[in-house]
PDB file of all heavy atoms in Angstrom:
ATOM      1  N   SER A   1      -6.580  -5.046  -4.555  1.00  0.00           N
ATOM      2  CA  SER A   1      -7.596  -6.027  -4.138  1.00  0.00           C
ATOM      3  C   SER A   1      -7.367  -6.454  -2.690  1.00  0.00           C
ATOM      4  O   SER A   1      -8.346  -6.580  -1.921  1.00  0.00           O
ATOM      5  CB  SER A   1      -7.599  -7.255  -5.060  1.00  0.00           C
ATOM      6  OG  SER A   1      -7.956  -6.889  -6.395  1.00  0.00           O
ATOM      7  N   LEU A   2      -6.096  -6.718  -2.321  1.00  0.00           N
ATOM      8  CA  LEU A   2      -5.809  -7.067  -0.943  1.00  0.00           C
ATOM      9  C   LEU A   2      -6.160  -5.939   0.009  1.00  0.00           C
ATOM     10  O   LEU A   2      -6.790  -6.133   1.046  1.00  0.00           O
ATOM     11  CB  LEU A   2      -4.326  -7.443  -0.808  1.00  0.00           C
ATOM     12  CG  LEU A   2      -3.858  -8.028   0.494  1.00  0.00           C
ATOM     13  CD1 LEU A   2      -2.635  -8.912   0.311  1.00  0.00           C
ATOM     14  CD2 LEU A   2      -3.506  -6.930   1.535  1.00  0.00           C
ATOM     15  N   LEU A   3      -5.778  -4.698  -0.361  1.00  0.00           N
ATOM     16  CA  LEU A   3      -6.065  -3.533   0.474  1.00  0.00           C
ATOM     17  C   LEU A   3      -7.596  -3.308   0.626  1.00  0.00           C
ATOM     18  O   LEU A   3      -8.079  -3.011   1.690  1.00  0.00           O
ATOM     19  CB  LEU A   3      -5.432  -2.302  -0.120  1.00  0.00           C
ATOM     20  CG  LEU A   3      -3.898  -2.243  -0.024  1.00  0.00           C
ATOM     21  CD1 LEU A   3      -3.319  -1.175  -0.932  1.00  0.00           C
ATOM     22  CD2 LEU A   3      -3.469  -1.999   1.402  1.00  0.00           C
ATOM     23  N   LYS A   4      -8.316  -3.495  -0.472  1.00  0.00           N
ATOM     24  CA  LYS A   4      -9.780  -3.332  -0.427  1.00  0.00           C
ATOM     25  C   LYS A   4     -10.401  -4.365   0.509  1.00  0.00           C
ATOM     26  O   LYS A   4     -11.279  -3.969   1.327  1.00  0.00           O
ATOM     27  CB  LYS A   4     -10.367  -3.531  -1.858  1.00  0.00           C
ATOM     28  CG  LYS A   4     -11.850  -3.304  -1.910  1.00  0.00           C
ATOM     29  CD  LYS A   4     -12.354  -3.239  -3.337  1.00  0.00           C
ATOM     30  CE  LYS A   4     -12.056  -4.540  -4.087  1.00  0.00           C
ATOM     31  NZ  LYS A   4     -12.660  -4.489  -5.445  1.00  0.00           N
ATOM     32  N   THR A   5      -9.953  -5.594   0.431  1.00  0.00           N
ATOM     33  CA  THR A   5     -10.441  -6.635   1.344  1.00  0.00           C
ATOM     34  C   THR A   5     -10.108  -6.320   2.764  1.00  0.00           C
ATOM     35  O   THR A   5     -10.957  -6.509   3.694  1.00  0.00           O
ATOM     36  CB  THR A   5      -9.874  -8.004   0.956  1.00  0.00           C
ATOM     37  OG1 THR A   5     -10.156  -8.333  -0.426  1.00  0.00           O
ATOM     38  CG2 THR A   5     -10.408  -9.115   1.846  1.00  0.00           C
ATOM     39  N   LEU A   6      -8.936  -5.799   2.980  1.00  0.00           N
ATOM     40  CA  LEU A   6      -8.485  -5.450   4.339  1.00  0.00           C
ATOM     41  C   LEU A   6      -9.334  -4.293   4.917  1.00  0.00           C
ATOM     42  O   LEU A   6      -9.869  -4.388   6.029  1.00  0.00           O
ATOM     43  CB  LEU A   6      -7.031  -5.071   4.314  1.00  0.00           C
ATOM     44  CG  LEU A   6      -6.405  -4.592   5.670  1.00  0.00           C
ATOM     45  CD1 LEU A   6      -6.473  -5.783   6.701  1.00  0.00           C
ATOM     46  CD2 LEU A   6      -4.972  -4.120   5.439  1.00  0.00           C
ATOM     47  N   TYR A   7      -9.486  -3.228   4.165  1.00  0.00           N
ATOM     48  CA  TYR A   7     -10.231  -2.075   4.630  1.00  0.00           C
ATOM     49  C   TYR A   7     -11.684  -2.352   4.900  1.00  0.00           C
ATOM     50  O   TYR A   7     -12.312  -1.746   5.762  1.00  0.00           O
ATOM     51  CB  TYR A   7     -10.112  -0.942   3.634  1.00  0.00           C
ATOM     52  CG  TYR A   7      -8.978   0.009   3.837  1.00  0.00           C
ATOM     53  CD1 TYR A   7      -7.679  -0.336   3.440  1.00  0.00           C
ATOM     54  CD2 TYR A   7      -9.126   1.242   4.480  1.00  0.00           C
ATOM     55  CE1 TYR A   7      -6.611   0.506   3.683  1.00  0.00           C
ATOM     56  CE2 TYR A   7      -8.095   2.096   4.656  1.00  0.00           C
ATOM     57  CZ  TYR A   7      -6.792   1.764   4.293  1.00  0.00           C
ATOM     58  OH  TYR A   7      -5.748   2.554   4.483  1.00  0.00           O
ATOM     59  N   ARG A   8     -12.247  -3.293   4.172  1.00  0.00           N
ATOM     60  CA  ARG A   8     -13.680  -3.619   4.343  1.00  0.00           C
ATOM     61  C   ARG A   8     -13.910  -4.721   5.371  1.00  0.00           C
ATOM     62  O   ARG A   8     -15.083  -5.089   5.562  1.00  0.00           O
ATOM     63  CB  ARG A   8     -14.246  -4.014   2.964  1.00  0.00           C
ATOM     64  CG  ARG A   8     -14.269  -2.775   2.009  1.00  0.00           C
ATOM     65  CD  ARG A   8     -14.837  -3.132   0.661  1.00  0.00           C
ATOM     66  NE  ARG A   8     -14.891  -1.952  -0.208  1.00  0.00           N
ATOM     67  CZ  ARG A   8     -15.275  -1.936  -1.499  1.00  0.00           C
ATOM     68  NH1 ARG A   8     -15.633  -3.105  -2.051  1.00  0.00           N
ATOM     69  NH2 ARG A   8     -15.278  -0.839  -2.209  1.00  0.00           N
ATOM     70  N   ASN A   9     -12.835  -5.187   5.942  1.00  0.00           N
ATOM     71  CA  ASN A   9     -13.019  -6.240   7.031  1.00  0.00           C
ATOM     72  C   ASN A   9     -13.423  -5.561   8.291  1.00  0.00           C
ATOM     73  O   ASN A   9     -12.834  -4.581   8.727  1.00  0.00           O
ATOM     74  CB  ASN A   9     -11.666  -6.985   7.199  1.00  0.00           C
ATOM     75  CG  ASN A   9     -11.823  -8.187   8.114  1.00  0.00           C
ATOM     76  OD1 ASN A   9     -12.055  -8.050   9.330  1.00  0.00           O
ATOM     77  ND2 ASN A   9     -11.660  -9.349   7.535  1.00  0.00           N
ATOM     78  N   PRO A  10     -14.446  -6.079   9.014  1.00  0.00           N
ATOM     79  CA  PRO A  10     -14.957  -5.456  10.246  1.00  0.00           C
ATOM     80  C   PRO A  10     -13.883  -5.397  11.337  1.00  0.00           C
ATOM     81  O   PRO A  10     -13.962  -4.518  12.232  1.00  0.00           O
ATOM     82  CB  PRO A  10     -16.106  -6.390  10.650  1.00  0.00           C
ATOM     83  CG  PRO A  10     -16.523  -7.089   9.412  1.00  0.00           C
ATOM     84  CD  PRO A  10     -15.262  -7.241   8.590  1.00  0.00           C
ATOM     85  N   GLY A  11     -12.865  -6.242  11.252  1.00  0.00           N
ATOM     86  CA  GLY A  11     -11.842  -6.232  12.280  1.00  0.00           C
ATOM     87  C   GLY A  11     -10.701  -5.285  12.033  1.00  0.00           C
ATOM     88  O   GLY A  11      -9.788  -5.134  12.862  1.00  0.00           O
ATOM     89  N   PHE A  12     -10.733  -4.539  10.900  1.00  0.00           N
ATOM     90  CA  PHE A  12      -9.662  -3.629  10.560  1.00  0.00           C
ATOM     91  C   PHE A  12      -9.875  -2.253  11.196  1.00  0.00           C
ATOM     92  O   PHE A  12     -10.932  -1.662  11.050  1.00  0.00           O
ATOM     93  CB  PHE A  12      -9.550  -3.472   9.041  1.00  0.00           C
ATOM     94  CG  PHE A  12      -8.482  -2.492   8.617  1.00  0.00           C
ATOM     95  CD1 PHE A  12      -7.147  -2.766   8.814  1.00  0.00           C
ATOM     96  CD2 PHE A  12      -8.856  -1.292   7.991  1.00  0.00           C
ATOM     97  CE1 PHE A  12      -6.164  -1.887   8.400  1.00  0.00           C
ATOM     98  CE2 PHE A  12      -7.838  -0.404   7.594  1.00  0.00           C
ATOM     99  CZ  PHE A  12      -6.531  -0.699   7.828  1.00  0.00           C
ATOM    100  N   MET A  13      -8.865  -1.778  11.914  1.00  0.00           N
ATOM    101  CA  MET A  13      -8.898  -0.439  12.507  1.00  0.00           C
ATOM    102  C   MET A  13      -7.774   0.351  11.883  1.00  0.00           C
ATOM    103  O   MET A  13      -6.594   0.119  12.186  1.00  0.00           O
ATOM    104  CB  MET A  13      -8.703  -0.544  14.054  1.00  0.00           C
ATOM    105  CG  MET A  13      -9.827  -1.248  14.766  1.00  0.00           C
ATOM    106  SD  MET A  13      -9.681  -1.136  16.562  1.00  0.00           S
ATOM    107  CE  MET A  13      -8.069  -1.904  16.842  1.00  0.00           C
ATOM    108  N   GLU A  14      -8.096   1.269  10.988  1.00  0.00           N
ATOM    109  CA  GLU A  14      -7.095   1.995  10.256  1.00  0.00           C
ATOM    110  C   GLU A  14      -6.138   2.751  11.196  1.00  0.00           C
ATOM    111  O   GLU A  14      -4.918   2.790  10.952  1.00  0.00           O
ATOM    112  CB  GLU A  14      -7.730   2.993   9.260  1.00  0.00           C
ATOM    113  CG  GLU A  14      -6.730   3.679   8.391  1.00  0.00           C
ATOM    114  CD  GLU A  14      -7.354   4.640   7.407  1.00  0.00           C
ATOM    115  OE1 GLU A  14      -8.599   4.736   7.392  1.00  0.00           O
ATOM    116  OE2 GLU A  14      -6.610   5.253   6.645  1.00  0.00           O
ATOM    117  N   GLY A  15      -6.662   3.328  12.224  1.00  0.00           N
ATOM    118  CA  GLY A  15      -5.818   4.120  13.123  1.00  0.00           C
ATOM    119  C   GLY A  15      -4.854   3.260  13.908  1.00  0.00           C
ATOM    120  O   GLY A  15      -3.856   3.728  14.413  1.00  0.00           O
ATOM    121  N   GLY A  16      -5.125   1.967  13.990  1.00  0.00           N
ATOM    122  CA  GLY A  16      -4.247   1.059  14.769  1.00  0.00           C
ATOM    123  C   GLY A  16      -3.293   0.274  13.906  1.00  0.00           C
ATOM    124  O   GLY A  16      -2.547  -0.583  14.428  1.00  0.00           O
ATOM    125  N   THR A  17      -3.342   0.468  12.603  1.00  0.00           N
ATOM    126  CA  THR A  17      -2.488  -0.279  11.670  1.00  0.00           C
ATOM    127  C   THR A  17      -1.830   0.694  10.681  1.00  0.00           C
ATOM    128  O   THR A  17      -2.487   1.418   9.987  1.00  0.00           O
ATOM    129  CB  THR A  17      -3.269  -1.341  10.901  1.00  0.00           C
ATOM    130  OG1 THR A  17      -3.983  -2.199  11.821  1.00  0.00           O
ATOM    131  CG2 THR A  17      -2.366  -2.182  10.005  1.00  0.00           C
ATOM    132  N   THR A  18      -0.513   0.671  10.608  1.00  0.00           N
ATOM    133  CA  THR A  18       0.242   1.411   9.641  1.00  0.00           C
ATOM    134  C   THR A  18       0.609   0.518   8.479  1.00  0.00           C
ATOM    135  O   THR A  18       1.246  -0.490   8.695  1.00  0.00           O
ATOM    136  CB  THR A  18       1.504   2.042  10.244  1.00  0.00           C
ATOM    137  OG1 THR A  18       1.134   2.914  11.324  1.00  0.00           O
ATOM    138  CG2 THR A  18       2.286   2.855   9.177  1.00  0.00           C
ATOM    139  N   ILE A  19       0.212   0.896   7.265  1.00  0.00           N
ATOM    140  CA  ILE A  19       0.562   0.082   6.103  1.00  0.00           C
ATOM    141  C   ILE A  19       1.681   0.773   5.291  1.00  0.00           C
ATOM    142  O   ILE A  19       1.448   1.863   4.760  1.00  0.00           O
ATOM    143  CB  ILE A  19      -0.684  -0.138   5.218  1.00  0.00           C
ATOM    144  CG1 ILE A  19      -1.791  -0.838   6.008  1.00  0.00           C
ATOM    145  CG2 ILE A  19      -0.311  -1.024   3.988  1.00  0.00           C
ATOM    146  CD1 ILE A  19      -3.081  -1.043   5.251  1.00  0.00           C
ATOM    147  N   HIS A  20       2.819   0.133   5.256  1.00  0.00           N
ATOM    148  CA  HIS A  20       3.949   0.642   4.494  1.00  0.00           C
ATOM    149  C   HIS A  20       4.003  -0.048   3.127  1.00  0.00           C
ATOM    150  O   HIS A  20       3.871  -1.240   3.046  1.00  0.00           O
ATOM    151  CB  HIS A  20       5.261   0.380   5.234  1.00  0.00           C
ATOM    152  CG  HIS A  20       5.327   0.850   6.608  1.00  0.00           C
ATOM    153  ND1 HIS A  20       5.562   2.170   6.956  1.00  0.00           N
ATOM    154  CD2 HIS A  20       5.204   0.203   7.817  1.00  0.00           C
ATOM    155  CE1 HIS A  20       5.596   2.283   8.294  1.00  0.00           C
ATOM    156  NE2 HIS A  20       5.379   1.130   8.832  1.00  0.00           N
ATOM    157  N   VAL A  21       4.253   0.728   2.099  1.00  0.00           N
ATOM    158  CA  VAL A  21       4.399   0.179   0.737  1.00  0.00           C
ATOM    159  C   VAL A  21       5.878   0.074   0.444  1.00  0.00           C
ATOM    160  O   VAL A  21       6.630   1.015   0.642  1.00  0.00           O
ATOM    161  CB  VAL A  21       3.722   1.028  -0.334  1.00  0.00           C
ATOM    162  CG1 VAL A  21       4.023   0.496  -1.724  1.00  0.00           C
ATOM    163  CG2 VAL A  21       2.191   1.050  -0.120  1.00  0.00           C
ATOM    164  N   VAL A  22       6.334  -1.108  -0.025  1.00  0.00           N
ATOM    165  CA  VAL A  22       7.682  -1.302  -0.486  1.00  0.00           C
ATOM    166  C   VAL A  22       7.577  -1.665  -1.955  1.00  0.00           C
ATOM    167  O   VAL A  22       6.971  -2.670  -2.321  1.00  0.00           O
ATOM    168  CB  VAL A  22       8.384  -2.387   0.305  1.00  0.00           C
ATOM    169  CG1 VAL A  22       9.796  -2.673  -0.285  1.00  0.00           C
ATOM    170  CG2 VAL A  22       8.503  -2.064   1.773  1.00  0.00           C
ATOM    171  N   SER A  23       8.220  -0.882  -2.818  1.00  0.00           N
ATOM    172  CA  SER A  23       8.231  -1.142  -4.290  1.00  0.00           C
ATOM    173  C   SER A  23       9.466  -1.988  -4.571  1.00  0.00           C
ATOM    174  O   SER A  23      10.581  -1.589  -4.306  1.00  0.00           O
ATOM    175  CB  SER A  23       8.309   0.202  -5.034  1.00  0.00           C
ATOM    176  OG  SER A  23       7.232   1.021  -4.640  1.00  0.00           O
ATOM    177  N   ASN A  24       9.268  -3.135  -5.188  1.00  0.00           N
ATOM    178  CA  ASN A  24      10.347  -4.060  -5.474  1.00  0.00           C
ATOM    179  C   ASN A  24      10.579  -4.197  -6.941  1.00  0.00           C
ATOM    180  O   ASN A  24       9.676  -4.024  -7.758  1.00  0.00           O
ATOM    181  CB  ASN A  24      10.024  -5.438  -4.827  1.00  0.00           C
ATOM    182  CG  ASN A  24      11.293  -6.340  -4.816  1.00  0.00           C
ATOM    183  OD1 ASN A  24      12.410  -5.835  -4.724  1.00  0.00           O
ATOM    184  ND2 ASN A  24      11.079  -7.627  -4.840  1.00  0.00           N
ATOM    185  N   ARG A  25      11.827  -4.530  -7.294  1.00  0.00           N
ATOM    186  CA  ARG A  25      12.231  -4.764  -8.709  1.00  0.00           C
ATOM    187  C   ARG A  25      11.919  -3.547  -9.610  1.00  0.00           C
ATOM    188  O   ARG A  25      11.387  -3.669 -10.683  1.00  0.00           O
ATOM    189  CB  ARG A  25      11.538  -5.981  -9.267  1.00  0.00           C
ATOM    190  CG  ARG A  25      11.926  -7.276  -8.474  1.00  0.00           C
ATOM    191  CD  ARG A  25      11.129  -8.448  -9.005  1.00  0.00           C
ATOM    192  NE  ARG A  25      11.428  -9.599  -8.176  1.00  0.00           N
ATOM    193  CZ  ARG A  25      10.671 -10.707  -8.179  1.00  0.00           C
ATOM    194  NH1 ARG A  25       9.585 -10.777  -8.919  1.00  0.00           N
ATOM    195  NH2 ARG A  25      10.969 -11.721  -7.391  1.00  0.00           N
ATOM    196  N   VAL A  26      12.348  -2.405  -9.117  1.00  0.00           N
ATOM    197  CA  VAL A  26      12.144  -1.178  -9.914  1.00  0.00           C
ATOM    198  C   VAL A  26      13.438  -0.752 -10.595  1.00  0.00           C
ATOM    199  O   VAL A  26      14.526  -1.169 -10.180  1.00  0.00           O
ATOM    200  CB  VAL A  26      11.599  -0.023  -9.033  1.00  0.00           C
ATOM    201  CG1 VAL A  26      10.258  -0.423  -8.426  1.00  0.00           C
ATOM    202  CG2 VAL A  26      12.592   0.327  -7.930  1.00  0.00           C
ATOM    203  N   GLY A  27      13.322   0.080 -11.615  1.00  0.00           N
ATOM    204  CA  GLY A  27      14.513   0.522 -12.308  1.00  0.00           C
ATOM    205  C   GLY A  27      15.059   1.857 -11.841  1.00  0.00           C
ATOM    206  O   GLY A  27      16.173   2.221 -12.202  1.00  0.00           O
ATOM    207  N   SER A  28      14.294   2.563 -11.029  1.00  0.00           N
ATOM    208  CA  SER A  28      14.744   3.858 -10.530  1.00  0.00           C
ATOM    209  C   SER A  28      13.963   4.225  -9.300  1.00  0.00           C
ATOM    210  O   SER A  28      12.894   3.647  -9.035  1.00  0.00           O
ATOM    211  CB  SER A  28      14.509   4.948 -11.598  1.00  0.00           C
ATOM    212  OG  SER A  28      13.161   5.139 -11.890  1.00  0.00           O
ATOM    213  N   ALA A  29      14.437   5.267  -8.591  1.00  0.00           N
ATOM    214  CA  ALA A  29      13.753   5.768  -7.393  1.00  0.00           C
ATOM    215  C   ALA A  29      12.391   6.344  -7.819  1.00  0.00           C
ATOM    216  O   ALA A  29      11.403   6.219  -7.089  1.00  0.00           O
ATOM    217  CB  ALA A  29      14.566   6.825  -6.717  1.00  0.00           C
ATOM    218  N   GLU A  30      12.339   6.943  -8.995  1.00  0.00           N
ATOM    219  CA  GLU A  30      11.098   7.524  -9.499  1.00  0.00           C
ATOM    220  C   GLU A  30      10.017   6.443  -9.746  1.00  0.00           C
ATOM    221  O   GLU A  30       8.827   6.653  -9.437  1.00  0.00           O
ATOM    222  CB  GLU A  30      11.356   8.325 -10.760  1.00  0.00           C
ATOM    223  CG  GLU A  30      12.172   9.592 -10.572  1.00  0.00           C
ATOM    224  CD  GLU A  30      13.665   9.305 -10.388  1.00  0.00           C
ATOM    225  OE1 GLU A  30      14.113   8.201 -10.677  1.00  0.00           O
ATOM    226  OE2 GLU A  30      14.378  10.217  -9.863  1.00  0.00           O
ATOM    227  N   GLU A  31      10.460   5.358 -10.360  1.00  0.00           N
ATOM    228  CA  GLU A  31       9.503   4.262 -10.601  1.00  0.00           C
ATOM    229  C   GLU A  31       9.031   3.645  -9.288  1.00  0.00           C
ATOM    230  O   GLU A  31       7.818   3.316  -9.188  1.00  0.00           O
ATOM    231  CB  GLU A  31      10.191   3.169 -11.443  1.00  0.00           C
ATOM    232  CG  GLU A  31       9.220   2.057 -11.903  1.00  0.00           C
ATOM    233  CD  GLU A  31       9.858   1.044 -12.770  1.00  0.00           C
ATOM    234  OE1 GLU A  31      11.036   0.702 -12.547  1.00  0.00           O
ATOM    235  OE2 GLU A  31       9.166   0.488 -13.676  1.00  0.00           O
ATOM    236  N   GLY A  32       9.889   3.549  -8.293  1.00  0.00           N
ATOM    237  CA  GLY A  32       9.450   3.071  -6.983  1.00  0.00           C
ATOM    238  C   GLY A  32       8.399   3.939  -6.377  1.00  0.00           C
ATOM    239  O   GLY A  32       7.423   3.472  -5.844  1.00  0.00           O
ATOM    240  N   LYS A  33       8.642   5.269  -6.410  1.00  0.00           N
ATOM    241  CA  LYS A  33       7.664   6.199  -5.859  1.00  0.00           C
ATOM    242  C   LYS A  33       6.361   6.148  -6.637  1.00  0.00           C
ATOM    243  O   LYS A  33       5.263   6.297  -6.045  1.00  0.00           O
ATOM    244  CB  LYS A  33       8.263   7.619  -5.912  1.00  0.00           C
ATOM    245  CG  LYS A  33       7.422   8.682  -5.151  1.00  0.00           C
ATOM    246  CD  LYS A  33       7.402   8.381  -3.656  1.00  0.00           C
ATOM    247  CE  LYS A  33       6.639   9.486  -2.910  1.00  0.00           C
ATOM    248  NZ  LYS A  33       7.305  10.810  -2.974  1.00  0.00           N
ATOM    249  N   ALA A  34       6.413   5.931  -7.932  1.00  0.00           N
ATOM    250  CA  ALA A  34       5.215   5.862  -8.775  1.00  0.00           C
ATOM    251  C   ALA A  34       4.329   4.709  -8.341  1.00  0.00           C
ATOM    252  O   ALA A  34       3.083   4.802  -8.374  1.00  0.00           O
ATOM    253  CB  ALA A  34       5.534   5.770 -10.235  1.00  0.00           C
ATOM    254  N   VAL A  35       4.928   3.561  -7.974  1.00  0.00           N
ATOM    255  CA  VAL A  35       4.164   2.396  -7.512  1.00  0.00           C
ATOM    256  C   VAL A  35       3.345   2.763  -6.300  1.00  0.00           C
ATOM    257  O   VAL A  35       2.128   2.480  -6.203  1.00  0.00           O
ATOM    258  CB  VAL A  35       5.108   1.195  -7.184  1.00  0.00           C
ATOM    259  CG1 VAL A  35       4.346   0.100  -6.442  1.00  0.00           C
ATOM    260  CG2 VAL A  35       5.766   0.673  -8.449  1.00  0.00           C
ATOM    261  N   TYR A  36       4.009   3.440  -5.369  1.00  0.00           N
ATOM    262  CA  TYR A  36       3.296   3.886  -4.141  1.00  0.00           C
ATOM    263  C   TYR A  36       2.196   4.872  -4.470  1.00  0.00           C
ATOM    264  O   TYR A  36       1.072   4.766  -3.952  1.00  0.00           O
ATOM    265  CB  TYR A  36       4.288   4.542  -3.155  1.00  0.00           C
ATOM    266  CG  TYR A  36       3.668   5.442  -2.179  1.00  0.00           C
ATOM    267  CD1 TYR A  36       2.910   4.977  -1.131  1.00  0.00           C
ATOM    268  CD2 TYR A  36       3.770   6.865  -2.332  1.00  0.00           C
ATOM    269  CE1 TYR A  36       2.288   5.808  -0.208  1.00  0.00           C
ATOM    270  CE2 TYR A  36       3.133   7.703  -1.465  1.00  0.00           C
ATOM    271  CZ  TYR A  36       2.419   7.202  -0.368  1.00  0.00           C
ATOM    272  OH  TYR A  36       1.832   8.047   0.502  1.00  0.00           O
ATOM    273  N   GLU A  37       2.489   5.845  -5.311  1.00  0.00           N
ATOM    274  CA  GLU A  37       1.529   6.889  -5.580  1.00  0.00           C
ATOM    275  C   GLU A  37       0.292   6.337  -6.277  1.00  0.00           C
ATOM    276  O   GLU A  37      -0.860   6.802  -6.014  1.00  0.00           O
ATOM    277  CB  GLU A  37       2.145   7.975  -6.463  1.00  0.00           C
ATOM    278  CG  GLU A  37       3.168   8.825  -5.710  1.00  0.00           C
ATOM    279  CD  GLU A  37       3.912   9.820  -6.570  1.00  0.00           C
ATOM    280  OE1 GLU A  37       3.860   9.639  -7.819  1.00  0.00           O
ATOM    281  OE2 GLU A  37       4.525  10.716  -6.038  1.00  0.00           O
ATOM    282  N   LYS A  38       0.429   5.320  -7.123  1.00  0.00           N
ATOM    283  CA  LYS A  38      -0.735   4.710  -7.778  1.00  0.00           C
ATOM    284  C   LYS A  38      -1.604   4.008  -6.726  1.00  0.00           C
ATOM    285  O   LYS A  38      -2.834   4.119  -6.753  1.00  0.00           O
ATOM    286  CB  LYS A  38      -0.271   3.707  -8.836  1.00  0.00           C
ATOM    287  CG  LYS A  38       0.343   4.395 -10.085  1.00  0.00           C
ATOM    288  CD  LYS A  38       0.860   3.344 -11.039  1.00  0.00           C
ATOM    289  CE  LYS A  38       1.550   4.016 -12.260  1.00  0.00           C
ATOM    290  NZ  LYS A  38       2.157   2.998 -13.160  1.00  0.00           N
ATOM    291  N   LEU A  39      -0.975   3.225  -5.818  1.00  0.00           N
ATOM    292  CA  LEU A  39      -1.733   2.553  -4.815  1.00  0.00           C
ATOM    293  C   LEU A  39      -2.363   3.517  -3.827  1.00  0.00           C
ATOM    294  O   LEU A  39      -3.562   3.378  -3.473  1.00  0.00           O
ATOM    295  CB  LEU A  39      -0.814   1.576  -4.061  1.00  0.00           C
ATOM    296  CG  LEU A  39      -0.416   0.306  -4.808  1.00  0.00           C
ATOM    297  CD1 LEU A  39       0.616  -0.501  -3.995  1.00  0.00           C
ATOM    298  CD2 LEU A  39      -1.627  -0.557  -5.119  1.00  0.00           C
ATOM    299  N   ASN A  40      -1.613   4.522  -3.411  1.00  0.00           N
ATOM    300  CA  ASN A  40      -2.137   5.470  -2.393  1.00  0.00           C
ATOM    301  C   ASN A  40      -3.295   6.267  -3.003  1.00  0.00           C
ATOM    302  O   ASN A  40      -4.258   6.602  -2.290  1.00  0.00           O
ATOM    303  CB  ASN A  40      -1.046   6.386  -1.941  1.00  0.00           C
ATOM    304  CG  ASN A  40      -1.443   7.203  -0.709  1.00  0.00           C
ATOM    305  OD1 ASN A  40      -1.876   6.641   0.279  1.00  0.00           O
ATOM    306  ND2 ASN A  40      -1.315   8.500  -0.785  1.00  0.00           N
TER     307      ASN A  40
END
């Protein structure tokens, strides 16, 4: 929902902003990567 609001804001320039995902409180490296893959 935050990303959708950001992308649809007229002031957002995707090429000028890098969005990094950090997965927190995960049980494994695989679970952390899965959080990113779902969002991406």
